[in-house]
Amino acid sequence: MSQEPEDVKPKLNLRLTYDGSEITVKVKPNTKFAKIFQAAEVSWTRTFKFVYDGTRSTKRIRLQRIVFSLNIEDMDQIDCFLEQLGGGLL
C-alpha cells in the first residue's frame, strides 16, 4: 500500500492592496512575480506599479524574480499603485 505523496512545497498567501480593497493570492515560493502581478491587473482591470517593503517594483521586484528571492513571508502585503504615464512639461 503506497501513500500519495503530499505537496511538500509550502504555499504563501500574499495580500495585494489597492485603494482600500484587497485580494489574497496563494503562491508557491518559486512563483515569478510576473504571474502575481498579472493576476492583480486582471482582477482590478488596471495597470499598476508594485511596492513591497517600501521599495518600488522597478528597483527591487523584477518580473522574472521569484517570491523566494525576496524572503517574503506568509501574509506579507504588496501595495499596488496606478501606473502614471506622462507628466512632462508642455
C-alpha atoms as a PDB file:
ATOM      1  CA  MET A   1       0.000   0.000   0.000  1.00  0.00           C
ATOM      2  CA  SER A   2       1.618   3.180  -1.156  1.00  0.00           C
ATOM      3  CA  GLN A   3       0.584   6.538   0.099  1.00  0.00           C
ATOM      4  CA  GLU A   4       0.012   9.532  -2.121  1.00  0.00           C
ATOM      5  CA  PRO A   5       2.936  11.981  -1.838  1.00  0.00           C
ATOM      6  CA  GLU A   6       1.908  15.192  -0.139  1.00  0.00           C
ATOM      7  CA  ASP A   7       2.585  18.576  -1.642  1.00  0.00           C
ATOM      8  CA  VAL A   8       5.819  19.313   0.214  1.00  0.00           C
ATOM      9  CA  LYS A   9       6.288  22.804  -1.222  1.00  0.00           C
ATOM     10  CA  PRO A  10       4.816  25.312   1.198  1.00  0.00           C
ATOM     11  CA  LYS A  11       2.401  27.863  -0.183  1.00  0.00           C
ATOM     12  CA  LEU A  12       2.361  31.516   0.830  1.00  0.00           C
ATOM     13  CA  ASN A  13      -0.596  33.861   0.981  1.00  0.00           C
ATOM     14  CA  LEU A  14       0.296  37.316  -0.343  1.00  0.00           C
ATOM     15  CA  ARG A  15      -2.024  40.251   0.200  1.00  0.00           C
ATOM     16  CA  LEU A  16      -2.256  42.725  -2.683  1.00  0.00           C
ATOM     17  CA  THR A  17      -3.899  46.015  -1.697  1.00  0.00           C
ATOM     18  CA  TYR A  18      -5.196  48.852  -3.835  1.00  0.00           C
ATOM     19  CA  ASP A  19      -7.300  51.829  -2.773  1.00  0.00           C
ATOM     20  CA  GLY A  20      -8.768  50.139   0.308  1.00  0.00           C
ATOM     21  CA  SER A  21      -9.553  46.822  -1.388  1.00  0.00           C
ATOM     22  CA  GLU A  22      -7.504  43.685  -1.013  1.00  0.00           C
ATOM     23  CA  ILE A  23      -7.051  40.366  -2.771  1.00  0.00           C
ATOM     24  CA  THR A  24      -5.147  37.394  -1.420  1.00  0.00           C
ATOM     25  CA  VAL A  25      -3.095  35.289  -3.791  1.00  0.00           C
ATOM     26  CA  LYS A  26      -1.806  31.843  -2.829  1.00  0.00           C
ATOM     27  CA  VAL A  27       1.588  31.202  -4.414  1.00  0.00           C
ATOM     28  CA  LYS A  28       4.494  28.787  -4.254  1.00  0.00           C
ATOM     29  CA  PRO A  29       7.915  30.198  -3.303  1.00  0.00           C
ATOM     30  CA  ASN A  30       9.181  29.613  -6.858  1.00  0.00           C
ATOM     31  CA  THR A  31       6.368  31.630  -8.500  1.00  0.00           C
ATOM     32  CA  LYS A  32       7.541  34.542 -10.658  1.00  0.00           C
ATOM     33  CA  PHE A  33       6.256  37.996  -9.764  1.00  0.00           C
ATOM     34  CA  ALA A  34       5.029  38.465 -13.335  1.00  0.00           C
ATOM     35  CA  LYS A  35       2.318  35.872 -12.700  1.00  0.00           C
ATOM     36  CA  ILE A  36       1.261  37.501  -9.419  1.00  0.00           C
ATOM     37  CA  PHE A  37       1.146  40.991 -10.919  1.00  0.00           C
ATOM     38  CA  GLN A  38      -0.846  39.786 -13.895  1.00  0.00           C
ATOM     39  CA  ALA A  39      -3.460  38.340 -11.525  1.00  0.00           C
ATOM     40  CA  ALA A  40      -3.802  41.710  -9.781  1.00  0.00           C
ATOM     41  CA  GLU A  41      -4.104  43.654 -13.019  1.00  0.00           C
ATOM     42  CA  VAL A  42      -6.765  41.276 -14.345  1.00  0.00           C
ATOM     43  CA  SER A  43      -8.684  41.379 -11.070  1.00  0.00           C
ATOM     44  CA  TRP A  44      -8.803  45.186 -10.889  1.00  0.00           C
ATOM     45  CA  THR A  45      -8.535  45.896 -14.658  1.00  0.00           C
ATOM     46  CA  ARG A  46      -5.788  48.447 -14.118  1.00  0.00           C
ATOM     47  CA  THR A  47      -2.045  48.773 -14.743  1.00  0.00           C
ATOM     48  CA  PHE A  48      -0.015  49.048 -11.546  1.00  0.00           C
ATOM     49  CA  LYS A  49       3.350  49.694 -10.011  1.00  0.00           C
ATOM     50  CA  PHE A  50       4.033  47.440  -7.039  1.00  0.00           C
ATOM     51  CA  VAL A  51       5.695  48.261  -3.739  1.00  0.00           C
ATOM     52  CA  TYR A  52       6.943  45.753  -1.195  1.00  0.00           C
ATOM     53  CA  ASP A  53       8.650  46.902   1.960  1.00  0.00           C
ATOM     54  CA  GLY A  54       8.703  50.498   0.731  1.00  0.00           C
ATOM     55  CA  THR A  55      10.645  49.837  -2.482  1.00  0.00           C
ATOM     56  CA  ARG A  56       9.254  50.388  -5.989  1.00  0.00           C
ATOM     57  CA  SER A  57       8.999  47.296  -8.121  1.00  0.00           C
ATOM     58  CA  THR A  58      11.237  48.639 -10.875  1.00  0.00           C
ATOM     59  CA  LYS A  59      14.146  48.778  -8.449  1.00  0.00           C
ATOM     60  CA  ARG A  60      13.636  45.669  -6.362  1.00  0.00           C
ATOM     61  CA  ILE A  61      10.814  43.467  -7.646  1.00  0.00           C
ATOM     62  CA  ARG A  62      11.627  42.474 -11.188  1.00  0.00           C
ATOM     63  CA  LEU A  63       9.062  40.461 -13.089  1.00  0.00           C
ATOM     64  CA  GLN A  64      11.344  37.464 -13.580  1.00  0.00           C
ATOM     65  CA  ARG A  65      12.324  37.221  -9.910  1.00  0.00           C
ATOM     66  CA  ILE A  66      10.676  34.627  -7.747  1.00  0.00           C
ATOM     67  CA  VAL A  67       8.943  35.124  -4.405  1.00  0.00           C
ATOM     68  CA  PHE A  68      11.631  33.209  -2.506  1.00  0.00           C
ATOM     69  CA  SER A  69      14.351  35.634  -3.657  1.00  0.00           C
ATOM     70  CA  LEU A  70      12.928  38.491  -1.531  1.00  0.00           C
ATOM     71  CA  ASN A  71      12.378  36.450   1.640  1.00  0.00           C
ATOM     72  CA  ILE A  72       8.669  37.187   1.548  1.00  0.00           C
ATOM     73  CA  GLU A  73       6.728  35.512   4.338  1.00  0.00           C
ATOM     74  CA  ASP A  74       3.151  34.296   4.620  1.00  0.00           C
ATOM     75  CA  MET A  75       0.544  37.114   4.661  1.00  0.00           C
ATOM     76  CA  ASP A  76       3.026  39.833   3.630  1.00  0.00           C
ATOM     77  CA  GLN A  77       1.486  42.808   1.864  1.00  0.00           C
ATOM     78  CA  ILE A  78       2.328  44.183  -1.573  1.00  0.00           C
ATOM     79  CA  ASP A  79       0.886  47.644  -2.254  1.00  0.00           C
ATOM     80  CA  CYS A  80      -0.439  48.444  -5.732  1.00  0.00           C
ATOM     81  CA  PHE A  81      -0.416  51.957  -7.167  1.00  0.00           C
ATOM     82  CA  LEU A  82      -1.804  53.078 -10.512  1.00  0.00           C
ATOM     83  CA  GLU A  83       0.886  53.436 -13.131  1.00  0.00           C
ATOM     84  CA  GLN A  84       1.054  57.011 -14.366  1.00  0.00           C
ATOM     85  CA  LEU A  85       2.400  57.937 -17.754  1.00  0.00           C
ATOM     86  CA  GLY A  86       3.462  61.354 -18.883  1.00  0.00           C
ATOM     87  CA  GLY A  87       3.934  64.274 -16.551  1.00  0.00           C
ATOM     88  CA  GLY A  88       6.294  66.162 -18.829  1.00  0.00           C
ATOM     89  CA  LEU A  89       6.196  69.895 -19.411  1.00  0.00           C
ATOM     90  CA  LEU A  90       4.181  71.236 -22.302  1.00  0.00           C
END
